[in-house]
PDB file of N, CA and C in Angstrom:
ATOM      1  N   MET A   1     -20.234  53.030  66.659  1.00  0.00           N
ATOM      2  CA  MET A   1     -19.347  52.675  65.562  1.00  0.00           C
ATOM      3  C   MET A   1     -18.004  53.349  65.770  1.00  0.00           C
ATOM      4  N   SER A   2     -16.901  52.585  65.641  1.00  0.00           N
ATOM      5  CA  SER A   2     -15.575  53.173  65.837  1.00  0.00           C
ATOM      6  C   SER A   2     -15.086  53.820  64.554  1.00  0.00           C
ATOM      7  N   ASP A   3     -14.175  54.755  64.722  1.00  0.00           N
ATOM      8  CA  ASP A   3     -13.590  55.446  63.579  1.00  0.00           C
ATOM      9  C   ASP A   3     -12.455  54.593  63.026  1.00  0.00           C
ATOM     10  N   THR A   4     -12.656  53.979  61.877  1.00  0.00           N
ATOM     11  CA  THR A   4     -11.685  53.095  61.261  1.00  0.00           C
ATOM     12  C   THR A   4     -10.356  53.794  61.026  1.00  0.00           C
ATOM     13  N   PHE A   5     -10.391  55.085  60.760  1.00  0.00           N
ATOM     14  CA  PHE A   5      -9.180  55.799  60.402  1.00  0.00           C
ATOM     15  C   PHE A   5      -8.666  56.685  61.535  1.00  0.00           C
ATOM     16  N   SER A   6      -8.975  56.320  62.783  1.00  0.00           N
ATOM     17  CA  SER A   6      -8.452  57.107  63.898  1.00  0.00           C
ATOM     18  C   SER A   6      -6.937  56.934  63.939  1.00  0.00           C
ATOM     19  N   THR A   7      -6.268  57.952  64.453  1.00  0.00           N
ATOM     20  CA  THR A   7      -4.821  57.941  64.472  1.00  0.00           C
ATOM     21  C   THR A   7      -4.297  58.472  65.793  1.00  0.00           C
ATOM     22  N   LYS A   8      -3.243  57.848  66.282  1.00  0.00           N
ATOM     23  CA  LYS A   8      -2.611  58.320  67.511  1.00  0.00           C
ATOM     24  C   LYS A   8      -1.644  59.457  67.222  1.00  0.00           C
ATOM     25  N   HIS A   9      -1.095  59.472  66.016  1.00  0.00           N
ATOM     26  CA  HIS A   9      -0.065  60.443  65.662  1.00  0.00           C
ATOM     27  C   HIS A   9      -0.532  61.294  64.496  1.00  0.00           C
ATOM     28  N   GLN A  10      -0.426  62.591  64.650  1.00  0.00           N
ATOM     29  CA  GLN A  10      -0.872  63.523  63.618  1.00  0.00           C
ATOM     30  C   GLN A  10       0.324  64.317  63.095  1.00  0.00           C
ATOM     31  N   PRO A  11       0.574  64.291  61.783  1.00  0.00           N
ATOM     32  CA  PRO A  11       1.682  65.085  61.260  1.00  0.00           C
ATOM     33  C   PRO A  11       1.310  66.572  61.218  1.00  0.00           C
ATOM     34  N   THR A  12       2.306  67.408  61.430  1.00  0.00           N
ATOM     35  CA  THR A  12       2.105  68.845  61.292  1.00  0.00           C
ATOM     36  C   THR A  12       2.676  69.344  59.975  1.00  0.00           C
ATOM     37  N   GLU A  13       3.650  68.603  59.442  1.00  0.00           N
ATOM     38  CA  GLU A  13       4.221  68.971  58.149  1.00  0.00           C
ATOM     39  C   GLU A  13       4.888  67.757  57.517  1.00  0.00           C
ATOM     40  N   ILE A  14       4.743  67.656  56.192  1.00  0.00           N
ATOM     41  CA  ILE A  14       5.394  66.605  55.412  1.00  0.00           C
ATOM     42  C   ILE A  14       6.112  67.306  54.263  1.00  0.00           C
ATOM     43  N   ARG A  15       7.423  67.032  54.148  1.00  0.00           N
ATOM     44  CA  ARG A  15       8.224  67.668  53.102  1.00  0.00           C
ATOM     45  C   ARG A  15       8.875  66.598  52.229  1.00  0.00           C
ATOM     46  N   LEU A  16       8.649  66.690  50.938  1.00  0.00           N
ATOM     47  CA  LEU A  16       9.309  65.807  49.986  1.00  0.00           C
ATOM     48  C   LEU A  16      10.645  66.440  49.620  1.00  0.00           C
ATOM     49  N   LYS A  17      11.719  65.713  49.833  1.00  0.00           N
ATOM     50  CA  LYS A  17      13.079  66.162  49.517  1.00  0.00           C
ATOM     51  C   LYS A  17      13.566  65.311  48.340  1.00  0.00           C
ATOM     52  N   LYS A  18      13.186  65.726  47.117  1.00  0.00           N
ATOM     53  CA  LYS A  18      13.509  64.921  45.935  1.00  0.00           C
ATOM     54  C   LYS A  18      15.003  64.732  45.751  1.00  0.00           C
ATOM     55  N   GLU A  19      15.780  65.791  45.913  1.00  0.00           N
ATOM     56  CA  GLU A  19      17.231  65.702  45.723  1.00  0.00           C
ATOM     57  C   GLU A  19      17.856  64.722  46.713  1.00  0.00           C
ATOM     58  N   GLU A  20      17.385  64.749  47.953  1.00  0.00           N
ATOM     59  CA  GLU A  20      17.919  63.869  48.996  1.00  0.00           C
ATOM     60  C   GLU A  20      17.264  62.493  48.982  1.00  0.00           C
ATOM     61  N   LYS A  21      16.260  62.323  48.123  1.00  0.00           N
ATOM     62  CA  LYS A  21      15.509  61.069  48.040  1.00  0.00           C
ATOM     63  C   LYS A  21      14.977  60.678  49.409  1.00  0.00           C
ATOM     64  N   ALA A  22      14.231  61.608  50.001  1.00  0.00           N
ATOM     65  CA  ALA A  22      13.711  61.373  51.357  1.00  0.00           C
ATOM     66  C   ALA A  22      12.418  62.139  51.577  1.00  0.00           C
ATOM     67  N   LEU A  23      11.731  61.730  52.617  1.00  0.00           N
ATOM     68  CA  LEU A  23      10.518  62.379  53.073  1.00  0.00           C
ATOM     69  C   LEU A  23      10.771  62.798  54.520  1.00  0.00           C
ATOM     70  N   GLU A  24      10.515  64.056  54.826  1.00  0.00           N
ATOM     71  CA  GLU A  24      10.639  64.541  56.199  1.00  0.00           C
ATOM     72  C   GLU A  24       9.237  64.723  56.756  1.00  0.00           C
ATOM     73  N   VAL A  25       9.016  64.180  57.957  1.00  0.00           N
ATOM     74  CA  VAL A  25       7.695  64.256  58.569  1.00  0.00           C
ATOM     75  C   VAL A  25       7.840  64.774  59.994  1.00  0.00           C
ATOM     76  N   ASP A  26       7.132  65.863  60.299  1.00  0.00           N
ATOM     77  CA  ASP A  26       7.071  66.410  61.649  1.00  0.00           C
ATOM     78  C   ASP A  26       5.713  66.050  62.242  1.00  0.00           C
ATOM     79  N   PHE A  27       5.723  65.634  63.507  1.00  0.00           N
ATOM     80  CA  PHE A  27       4.482  65.243  64.172  1.00  0.00           C
ATOM     81  C   PHE A  27       4.138  66.203  65.305  1.00  0.00           C
ATOM     82  N   ALA A  28       2.863  66.218  65.656  1.00  0.00           N
ATOM     83  CA  ALA A  28       2.336  67.131  66.675  1.00  0.00           C
ATOM     84  C   ALA A  28       2.993  66.945  68.037  1.00  0.00           C
ATOM     85  N   ASP A  29       3.521  65.746  68.323  1.00  0.00           N
ATOM     86  CA  ASP A  29       4.159  65.520  69.629  1.00  0.00           C
ATOM     87  C   ASP A  29       5.609  65.995  69.666  1.00  0.00           C
ATOM     88  N   GLY A  30       6.069  66.632  68.569  1.00  0.00           N
ATOM     89  CA  GLY A  30       7.426  67.158  68.519  1.00  0.00           C
ATOM     90  C   GLY A  30       8.436  66.250  67.832  1.00  0.00           C
ATOM     91  N   GLN A  31       8.046  65.003  67.562  1.00  0.00           N
ATOM     92  CA  GLN A  31       8.947  64.090  66.859  1.00  0.00           C
ATOM     93  C   GLN A  31       9.058  64.506  65.396  1.00  0.00           C
ATOM     94  N   SER A  32      10.247  64.319  64.844  1.00  0.00           N
ATOM     95  CA  SER A  32      10.500  64.609  63.441  1.00  0.00           C
ATOM     96  C   SER A  32      11.369  63.497  62.885  1.00  0.00           C
ATOM     97  N   PHE A  33      11.005  62.995  61.704  1.00  0.00           N
ATOM     98  CA  PHE A  33      11.741  61.883  61.116  1.00  0.00           C
ATOM     99  C   PHE A  33      12.091  62.195  59.663  1.00  0.00           C
ATOM    100  N   THR A  34      13.288  61.790  59.262  1.00  0.00           N
ATOM    101  CA  THR A  34      13.691  61.811  57.864  1.00  0.00           C
ATOM    102  C   THR A  34      13.688  60.357  57.413  1.00  0.00           C
ATOM    103  N   LEU A  35      12.841  60.063  56.439  1.00  0.00           N
ATOM    104  CA  LEU A  35      12.647  58.686  55.981  1.00  0.00           C
ATOM    105  C   LEU A  35      13.140  58.565  54.540  1.00  0.00           C
ATOM    106  N   PRO A  36      14.266  57.856  54.324  1.00  0.00           N
ATOM    107  CA  PRO A  36      14.800  57.684  52.974  1.00  0.00           C
ATOM    108  C   PRO A  36      13.816  56.962  52.056  1.00  0.00           C
ATOM    109  N   ALA A  37      13.845  57.314  50.783  1.00  0.00           N
ATOM    110  CA  ALA A  37      12.952  56.698  49.794  1.00  0.00           C
ATOM    111  C   ALA A  37      13.135  55.187  49.745  1.00  0.00           C
ATOM    112  N   GLU A  38      14.376  54.724  49.771  1.00  0.00           N
ATOM    113  CA  GLU A  38      14.626  53.282  49.720  1.00  0.00           C
ATOM    114  C   GLU A  38      13.945  52.574  50.886  1.00  0.00           C
ATOM    115  N   TYR A  39      14.075  53.132  52.071  1.00  0.00           N
ATOM    116  CA  TYR A  39      13.465  52.559  53.271  1.00  0.00           C
ATOM    117  C   TYR A  39      11.942  52.513  53.141  1.00  0.00           C
ATOM    118  N   LEU A  40      11.350  53.622  52.705  1.00  0.00           N
ATOM    119  CA  LEU A  40       9.895  53.662  52.526  1.00  0.00           C
ATOM    120  C   LEU A  40       9.440  52.659  51.471  1.00  0.00           C
ATOM    121  N   ARG A  41      10.226  52.516  50.408  1.00  0.00           N
ATOM    122  CA  ARG A  41       9.852  51.605  49.320  1.00  0.00           C
ATOM    123  C   ARG A  41       9.896  50.147  49.764  1.00  0.00           C
ATOM    124  N   VAL A  42      10.979  49.760  50.465  1.00  0.00           N
ATOM    125  CA  VAL A  42      11.107  48.351  50.845  1.00  0.00           C
ATOM    126  C   VAL A  42      10.193  47.977  51.999  1.00  0.00           C
ATOM    127  N   GLU A  43       9.668  48.980  52.712  1.00  0.00           N
ATOM    128  CA  GLU A  43       8.719  48.739  53.802  1.00  0.00           C
ATOM    129  C   GLU A  43       7.298  49.151  53.403  1.00  0.00           C
ATOM    130  N   SER A  44       7.051  49.262  52.113  1.00  0.00           N
ATOM    131  CA  SER A  44       5.733  49.659  51.620  1.00  0.00           C
ATOM    132  C   SER A  44       4.625  48.815  52.250  1.00  0.00           C
ATOM    133  N   PRO A  45       3.525  49.462  52.647  1.00  0.00           N
ATOM    134  CA  PRO A  45       2.400  48.720  53.211  1.00  0.00           C
ATOM    135  C   PRO A  45       1.559  47.999  52.155  1.00  0.00           C
ATOM    136  N   SER A  46       2.001  48.007  50.913  1.00  0.00           N
ATOM    137  CA  SER A  46       1.239  47.356  49.842  1.00  0.00           C
ATOM    138  C   SER A  46       1.196  45.841  50.024  1.00  0.00           C
ATOM    139  N   ALA A  47       0.176  45.232  49.471  1.00  0.00           N
ATOM    140  CA  ALA A  47       0.053  43.772  49.519  1.00  0.00           C
ATOM    141  C   ALA A  47       1.240  43.119  48.812  1.00  0.00           C
ATOM    142  N   GLU A  48       1.750  43.751  47.766  1.00  0.00           N
ATOM    143  CA  GLU A  48       2.900  43.231  47.021  1.00  0.00           C
ATOM    144  C   GLU A  48       4.102  43.011  47.942  1.00  0.00           C
ATOM    145  N   VAL A  49       4.330  43.933  48.876  1.00  0.00           N
ATOM    146  CA  VAL A  49       5.470  43.842  49.780  1.00  0.00           C
ATOM    147  C   VAL A  49       5.111  43.104  51.069  1.00  0.00           C
ATOM    148  N   GLN A  50       4.008  43.472  51.682  1.00  0.00           N
ATOM    149  CA  GLN A  50       3.646  42.903  52.978  1.00  0.00           C
ATOM    150  C   GLN A  50       3.115  41.481  52.871  1.00  0.00           C
ATOM    151  N   GLY A  51       2.712  41.089  51.662  1.00  0.00           N
ATOM    152  CA  GLY A  51       2.258  39.720  51.455  1.00  0.00           C
ATOM    153  C   GLY A  51       1.028  39.361  52.248  1.00  0.00           C
ATOM    154  N   HIS A  52       0.100  40.287  52.391  1.00  0.00           N
ATOM    155  CA  HIS A  52      -1.104  40.061  53.197  1.00  0.00           C
ATOM    156  C   HIS A  52      -1.624  38.640  52.986  1.00  0.00           C
ATOM    157  N   GLY A  53      -1.573  37.859  54.045  1.00  0.00           N
ATOM    158  CA  GLY A  53      -1.992  36.467  53.981  1.00  0.00           C
ATOM    159  C   GLY A  53      -0.841  35.526  53.665  1.00  0.00           C
ATOM    160  N   GLN A  54       0.311  36.079  53.322  1.00  0.00           N
ATOM    161  CA  GLN A  54       1.506  35.293  53.034  1.00  0.00           C
ATOM    162  C   GLN A  54       2.680  35.941  53.765  1.00  0.00           C
ATOM    163  N   GLU A  55       3.863  35.395  53.546  1.00  0.00           N
ATOM    164  CA  GLU A  55       5.072  35.944  54.164  1.00  0.00           C
ATOM    165  C   GLU A  55       5.449  37.274  53.504  1.00  0.00           C
ATOM    166  N   LYS A  56       5.959  38.206  54.318  1.00  0.00           N
ATOM    167  CA  LYS A  56       6.423  39.498  53.808  1.00  0.00           C
ATOM    168  C   LYS A  56       7.530  39.268  52.781  1.00  0.00           C
ATOM    169  N   ARG A  57       7.489  40.025  51.705  1.00  0.00           N
ATOM    170  CA  ARG A  57       8.462  39.905  50.622  1.00  0.00           C
ATOM    171  C   ARG A  57       9.632  40.859  50.864  1.00  0.00           C
ATOM    172  N   ILE A  58      10.848  40.366  50.676  1.00  0.00           N
ATOM    173  CA  ILE A  58      12.031  41.217  50.744  1.00  0.00           C
ATOM    174  C   ILE A  58      12.236  41.813  49.360  1.00  0.00           C
ATOM    175  N   VAL A  59      12.292  43.143  49.291  1.00  0.00           N
ATOM    176  CA  VAL A  59      12.420  43.835  48.011  1.00  0.00           C
ATOM    177  C   VAL A  59      13.870  44.278  47.838  1.00  0.00           C
ATOM    178  N   PRO A  60      14.620  43.624  46.945  1.00  0.00           N
ATOM    179  CA  PRO A  60      16.009  44.012  46.725  1.00  0.00           C
ATOM    180  C   PRO A  60      16.148  45.088  45.653  1.00  0.00           C
ATOM    181  N   GLY A  61      17.360  45.613  45.504  1.00  0.00           N
ATOM    182  CA  GLY A  61      17.698  46.474  44.376  1.00  0.00           C
ATOM    183  C   GLY A  61      17.061  47.846  44.352  1.00  0.00           C
ATOM    184  N   ARG A  62      16.742  48.409  45.499  1.00  0.00           N
ATOM    185  CA  ARG A  62      16.058  49.703  45.509  1.00  0.00           C
ATOM    186  C   ARG A  62      16.917  50.836  46.096  1.00  0.00           C
ATOM    187  N   LYS A  63      18.223  50.629  46.150  1.00  0.00           N
ATOM    188  CA  LYS A  63      19.123  51.625  46.748  1.00  0.00           C
ATOM    189  C   LYS A  63      18.989  53.000  46.096  1.00  0.00           C
ATOM    190  N   MET A  64      18.742  53.046  44.815  1.00  0.00           N
ATOM    191  CA  MET A  64      18.697  54.314  44.081  1.00  0.00           C
ATOM    192  C   MET A  64      17.292  54.869  43.869  1.00  0.00           C
ATOM    193  N   VAL A  65      16.271  54.222  44.416  1.00  0.00           N
ATOM    194  CA  VAL A  65      14.895  54.648  44.173  1.00  0.00           C
ATOM    195  C   VAL A  65      14.650  56.055  44.720  1.00  0.00           C
ATOM    196  N   GLY A  66      13.836  56.792  44.004  1.00  0.00           N
ATOM    197  CA  GLY A  66      13.448  58.131  44.438  1.00  0.00           C
ATOM    198  C   GLY A  66      11.940  58.237  44.556  1.00  0.00           C
ATOM    199  N   ILE A  67      11.507  59.387  45.022  1.00  0.00           N
ATOM    200  CA  ILE A  67      10.074  59.655  45.167  1.00  0.00           C
ATOM    201  C   ILE A  67       9.681  60.701  44.134  1.00  0.00           C
ATOM    202  N   MET A  68       8.702  60.377  43.302  1.00  0.00           N
ATOM    203  CA  MET A  68       8.221  61.316  42.289  1.00  0.00           C
ATOM    204  C   MET A  68       7.172  62.260  42.852  1.00  0.00           C
ATOM    205  N   ASP A  69       6.287  61.720  43.717  1.00  0.00           N
ATOM    206  CA  ASP A  69       5.177  62.534  44.200  1.00  0.00           C
ATOM    207  C   ASP A  69       4.595  61.922  45.471  1.00  0.00           C
ATOM    208  N   VAL A  70       3.926  62.760  46.232  1.00  0.00           N
ATOM    209  CA  VAL A  70       3.215  62.338  47.429  1.00  0.00           C
ATOM    210  C   VAL A  70       1.825  62.943  47.342  1.00  0.00           C
ATOM    211  N   GLU A  71       0.800  62.125  47.556  1.00  0.00           N
ATOM    212  CA  GLU A  71      -0.571  62.656  47.504  1.00  0.00           C
ATOM    213  C   GLU A  71      -1.343  62.247  48.749  1.00  0.00           C
ATOM    214  N   ALA A  72      -2.188  63.138  49.195  1.00  0.00           N
ATOM    215  CA  ALA A  72      -3.015  62.876  50.375  1.00  0.00           C
ATOM    216  C   ALA A  72      -4.056  61.805  50.065  1.00  0.00           C
ATOM    217  N   VAL A  73      -4.328  60.974  51.067  1.00  0.00           N
ATOM    218  CA  VAL A  73      -5.411  59.997  51.010  1.00  0.00           C
ATOM    219  C   VAL A  73      -6.298  60.346  52.196  1.00  0.00           C
ATOM    220  N   GLY A  74      -7.393  61.025  51.915  1.00  0.00           N
ATOM    221  CA  GLY A  74      -8.244  61.512  52.994  1.00  0.00           C
ATOM    222  C   GLY A  74      -7.437  62.398  53.921  1.00  0.00           C
ATOM    223  N   ASN A  75      -7.725  62.317  55.205  1.00  0.00           N
ATOM    224  CA  ASN A  75      -6.928  63.079  56.167  1.00  0.00           C
ATOM    225  C   ASN A  75      -6.244  62.139  57.148  1.00  0.00           C
ATOM    226  N   TYR A  76      -5.922  60.924  56.669  1.00  0.00           N
ATOM    227  CA  TYR A  76      -5.318  59.927  57.536  1.00  0.00           C
ATOM    228  C   TYR A  76      -4.062  59.278  56.963  1.00  0.00           C
ATOM    229  N   ALA A  77      -3.698  59.606  55.699  1.00  0.00           N
ATOM    230  CA  ALA A  77      -2.582  58.899  55.070  1.00  0.00           C
ATOM    231  C   ALA A  77      -2.084  59.624  53.830  1.00  0.00           C
ATOM    232  N   ILE A  78      -0.993  59.083  53.266  1.00  0.00           N
ATOM    233  CA  ILE A  78      -0.479  59.533  51.976  1.00  0.00           C
ATOM    234  C   ILE A  78      -0.191  58.321  51.099  1.00  0.00           C
ATOM    235  N   ARG A  79      -0.175  58.561  49.805  1.00  0.00           N
ATOM    236  CA  ARG A  79       0.276  57.567  48.822  1.00  0.00           C
ATOM    237  C   ARG A  79       1.568  58.142  48.250  1.00  0.00           C
ATOM    238  N   ILE A  80       2.601  57.310  48.209  1.00  0.00           N
ATOM    239  CA  ILE A  80       3.893  57.730  47.678  1.00  0.00           C
ATOM    240  C   ILE A  80       4.079  57.100  46.308  1.00  0.00           C
ATOM    241  N   LYS A  81       4.423  57.937  45.330  1.00  0.00           N
ATOM    242  CA  LYS A  81       4.708  57.449  43.976  1.00  0.00           C
ATOM    243  C   LYS A  81       6.223  57.431  43.799  1.00  0.00           C
ATOM    244  N   PHE A  82       6.759  56.214  43.728  1.00  0.00           N
ATOM    245  CA  PHE A  82       8.203  56.031  43.583  1.00  0.00           C
ATOM    246  C   PHE A  82       8.589  56.012  42.112  1.00  0.00           C
ATOM    247  N   ASP A  83       9.865  56.312  41.824  1.00  0.00           N
ATOM    248  CA  ASP A  83      10.289  56.360  40.428  1.00  0.00           C
ATOM    249  C   ASP A  83      10.505  54.977  39.813  1.00  0.00           C
ATOM    250  N   ASP A  84      10.313  53.903  40.601  1.00  0.00           N
ATOM    251  CA  ASP A  84      10.280  52.559  40.006  1.00  0.00           C
ATOM    252  C   ASP A  84       8.839  52.174  39.651  1.00  0.00           C
ATOM    253  N   LEU A  85       7.947  53.173  39.727  1.00  0.00           N
ATOM    254  CA  LEU A  85       6.533  53.099  39.379  1.00  0.00           C
ATOM    255  C   LEU A  85       5.673  52.371  40.413  1.00  0.00           C
ATOM    256  N   HIS A  86       6.218  52.063  41.567  1.00  0.00           N
ATOM    257  CA  HIS A  86       5.424  51.489  42.654  1.00  0.00           C
ATOM    258  C   HIS A  86       4.628  52.622  43.304  1.00  0.00           C
ATOM    259  N   ASP A  87       3.322  52.419  43.471  1.00  0.00           N
ATOM    260  CA  ASP A  87       2.500  53.469  44.090  1.00  0.00           C
ATOM    261  C   ASP A  87       1.245  52.912  44.764  1.00  0.00           C
ATOM    262  N   THR A  88       1.299  51.648  45.174  1.00  0.00           N
ATOM    263  CA  THR A  88       0.075  51.041  45.706  1.00  0.00           C
ATOM    264  C   THR A  88      -0.037  51.041  47.225  1.00  0.00           C
ATOM    265  N   GLY A  89       0.989  51.430  47.939  1.00  0.00           N
ATOM    266  CA  GLY A  89       0.907  51.429  49.396  1.00  0.00           C
ATOM    267  C   GLY A  89       0.289  52.704  49.952  1.00  0.00           C
ATOM    268  N   ILE A  90      -0.522  52.557  50.983  1.00  0.00           N
ATOM    269  CA  ILE A  90      -1.115  53.698  51.686  1.00  0.00           C
ATOM    270  C   ILE A  90      -0.394  53.820  53.037  1.00  0.00           C
ATOM    271  N   TYR A  91       0.330  54.905  53.209  1.00  0.00           N
ATOM    272  CA  TYR A  91       1.114  55.137  54.421  1.00  0.00           C
ATOM    273  C   TYR A  91       0.295  55.984  55.384  1.00  0.00           C
ATOM    274  N   THR A  92      -0.264  55.339  56.405  1.00  0.00           N
ATOM    275  CA  THR A  92      -1.043  56.075  57.406  1.00  0.00           C
ATOM    276  C   THR A  92      -0.089  56.876  58.282  1.00  0.00           C
ATOM    277  N   TRP A  93      -0.659  57.851  59.000  1.00  0.00           N
ATOM    278  CA  TRP A  93       0.171  58.661  59.905  1.00  0.00           C
ATOM    279  C   TRP A  93       0.852  57.768  60.938  1.00  0.00           C
ATOM    280  N   ASP A  94       0.112  56.808  61.489  1.00  0.00           N
ATOM    281  CA  ASP A  94       0.697  55.931  62.504  1.00  0.00           C
ATOM    282  C   ASP A  94       1.804  55.055  61.922  1.00  0.00           C
ATOM    283  N   LEU A  95       1.647  54.595  60.688  1.00  0.00           N
ATOM    284  CA  LEU A  95       2.698  53.804  60.053  1.00  0.00           C
ATOM    285  C   LEU A  95       3.948  54.652  59.852  1.00  0.00           C
ATOM    286  N   LEU A  96       3.795  55.877  59.348  1.00  0.00           N
ATOM    287  CA  LEU A  96       4.953  56.754  59.156  1.00  0.00           C
ATOM    288  C   LEU A  96       5.670  57.008  60.474  1.00  0.00           C
ATOM    289  N   TYR A  97       4.888  57.209  61.528  1.00  0.00           N
ATOM    290  CA  TYR A  97       5.480  57.436  62.851  1.00  0.00           C
ATOM    291  C   TYR A  97       6.250  56.188  63.292  1.00  0.00           C
ATOM    292  N   ASP A  98       5.639  55.024  63.133  1.00  0.00           N
ATOM    293  CA  ASP A  98       6.282  53.772  63.505  1.00  0.00           C
ATOM    294  C   ASP A  98       7.564  53.545  62.704  1.00  0.00           C
ATOM    295  N   LEU A  99       7.523  53.814  61.411  1.00  0.00           N
ATOM    296  CA  LEU A  99       8.713  53.657  60.574  1.00  0.00           C
ATOM    297  C   LEU A  99       9.833  54.593  61.026  1.00  0.00           C
ATOM    298  N   GLY A 100       9.469  55.787  61.473  1.00  0.00           N
ATOM    299  CA  GLY A 100      10.473  56.719  61.974  1.00  0.00           C
ATOM    300  C   GLY A 100      11.003  56.317  63.336  1.00  0.00           C
ATOM    301  N   ALA A 101      10.116  55.998  64.249  1.00  0.00           N
ATOM    302  CA  ALA A 101      10.500  55.681  65.621  1.00  0.00           C
ATOM    303  C   ALA A 101      11.282  54.376  65.723  1.00  0.00           C
ATOM    304  N   ASN A 102      11.038  53.452  64.825  1.00  0.00           N
ATOM    305  CA  ASN A 102      11.671  52.126  64.889  1.00  0.00           C
ATOM    306  C   ASN A 102      12.595  51.853  63.707  1.00  0.00           C
ATOM    307  N   ARG A 103      13.073  52.922  63.093  1.00  0.00           N
ATOM    308  CA  ARG A 103      13.856  52.796  61.870  1.00  0.00           C
ATOM    309  C   ARG A 103      15.075  51.887  62.012  1.00  0.00           C
ATOM    310  N   GLU A 104      15.839  52.039  63.071  1.00  0.00           N
ATOM    311  CA  GLU A 104      17.060  51.239  63.215  1.00  0.00           C
ATOM    312  C   GLU A 104      16.755  49.749  63.236  1.00  0.00           C
ATOM    313  N   GLU A 105      15.756  49.346  64.012  1.00  0.00           N
ATOM    314  CA  GLU A 105      15.422  47.923  64.122  1.00  0.00           C
ATOM    315  C   GLU A 105      14.844  47.379  62.810  1.00  0.00           C
ATOM    316  N   ILE A 106      13.953  48.159  62.201  1.00  0.00           N
ATOM    317  CA  ILE A 106      13.318  47.718  60.946  1.00  0.00           C
ATOM    318  C   ILE A 106      14.361  47.603  59.841  1.00  0.00           C
ATOM    319  N   TRP A 107      15.256  48.592  59.755  1.00  0.00           N
ATOM    320  CA  TRP A 107      16.290  48.586  58.718  1.00  0.00           C
ATOM    321  C   TRP A 107      17.265  47.422  58.934  1.00  0.00           C
ATOM    322  N   ALA A 108      17.636  47.166  60.173  1.00  0.00           N
ATOM    323  CA  ALA A 108      18.544  46.053  60.474  1.00  0.00           C
ATOM    324  C   ALA A 108      17.917  44.718  60.062  1.00  0.00           C
ATOM    325  N   ALA A 109      16.629  44.562  60.319  1.00  0.00           N
ATOM    326  CA  ALA A 109      15.935  43.333  59.927  1.00  0.00           C
ATOM    327  C   ALA A 109      15.888  43.205  58.406  1.00  0.00           C
ATOM    328  N   TYR A 110      15.686  44.303  57.701  1.00  0.00           N
ATOM    329  CA  TYR A 110      15.678  44.290  56.230  1.00  0.00           C
ATOM    330  C   TYR A 110      17.051  43.862  55.699  1.00  0.00           C
ATOM    331  N   LEU A 111      18.120  44.479  56.227  1.00  0.00           N
ATOM    332  CA  LEU A 111      19.475  44.138  55.778  1.00  0.00           C
ATOM    333  C   LEU A 111      19.800  42.672  56.077  1.00  0.00           C
ATOM    334  N   ALA A 112      19.363  42.184  57.222  1.00  0.00           N
ATOM    335  CA  ALA A 112      19.580  40.774  57.572  1.00  0.00           C
ATOM    336  C   ALA A 112      18.832  39.862  56.600  1.00  0.00           C
ATOM    337  N   GLY A 113      17.615  40.254  56.237  1.00  0.00           N
ATOM    338  CA  GLY A 113      16.834  39.475  55.274  1.00  0.00           C
ATOM    339  C   GLY A 113      17.495  39.415  53.906  1.00  0.00           C
ATOM    340  N   LEU A 114      18.042  40.554  53.471  1.00  0.00           N
ATOM    341  CA  LEU A 114      18.775  40.564  52.197  1.00  0.00           C
ATOM    342  C   LEU A 114      19.932  39.578  52.246  1.00  0.00           C
ATOM    343  N   LYS A 115      20.701  39.650  53.324  1.00  0.00           N
ATOM    344  CA  LYS A 115      21.873  38.786  53.472  1.00  0.00           C
ATOM    345  C   LYS A 115      21.471  37.313  53.484  1.00  0.00           C
ATOM    346  N   THR A 116      20.444  36.987  54.249  1.00  0.00           N
ATOM    347  CA  THR A 116      19.973  35.609  54.356  1.00  0.00           C
ATOM    348  C   THR A 116      19.583  35.032  52.996  1.00  0.00           C
ATOM    349  N   HIS A 117      18.974  35.885  52.153  1.00  0.00           N
ATOM    350  CA  HIS A 117      18.498  35.418  50.847  1.00  0.00           C
ATOM    351  C   HIS A 117      19.490  35.682  49.712  1.00  0.00           C
ATOM    352  N   GLY A 118      20.684  36.165  50.048  1.00  0.00           N
ATOM    353  CA  GLY A 118      21.701  36.424  49.023  1.00  0.00           C
ATOM    354  C   GLY A 118      21.319  37.545  48.069  1.00  0.00           C
ATOM    355  N   LEU A 119      20.596  38.527  48.572  1.00  0.00           N
ATOM    356  CA  LEU A 119      20.125  39.645  47.755  1.00  0.00           C
ATOM    357  C   LEU A 119      20.928  40.900  48.051  1.00  0.00           C
ATOM    358  N   SER A 120      20.760  41.929  47.216  1.00  0.00           N
ATOM    359  CA  SER A 120      21.519  43.165  47.362  1.00  0.00           C
ATOM    360  C   SER A 120      20.617  44.383  47.281  1.00  0.00           C
ATOM    361  N   ARG A 121      21.058  45.477  47.889  1.00  0.00           N
ATOM    362  CA  ARG A 121      20.363  46.754  47.775  1.00  0.00           C
ATOM    363  C   ARG A 121      20.612  47.374  46.399  1.00  0.00           C
ATOM    364  N   GLU A 122      21.679  47.001  45.750  1.00  0.00           N
ATOM    365  CA  GLU A 122      22.036  47.565  44.453  1.00  0.00           C
ATOM    366  C   GLU A 122      21.049  47.153  43.366  1.00  0.00           C
ATOM    367  N   PRO A 123      20.766  48.096  42.451  1.00  0.00           N
ATOM    368  CA  PRO A 123      19.856  47.764  41.339  1.00  0.00           C
ATOM    369  C   PRO A 123      20.446  46.727  40.385  1.00  0.00           C
TER     370      PRO A 123
END
């Protein structure tokens, strides 16, 4: 039987920076990422955003979103509670690493999607 929650990337430290509206994550391989709350919110792994079984949803108007709390989910992920009351996504270690390592490309695609649909980052 395989381990469903195996992970390639293991964090060594996670810091919530409420004032900066960001999450800082250090990984065992030496990589460190600062992930803005807005970015984490619009890329939430929740079904609401990812549209599991449907097209991914573009979430506009989250430029000012903050993070209220971060809680562990087992030893493989965290749940982020945003101040817009969204809290259904489970961010695995590998997802956080991917979001950090590919931030420029993912963010550019998000901004392009907003533009295509006539949407804005502003609340």
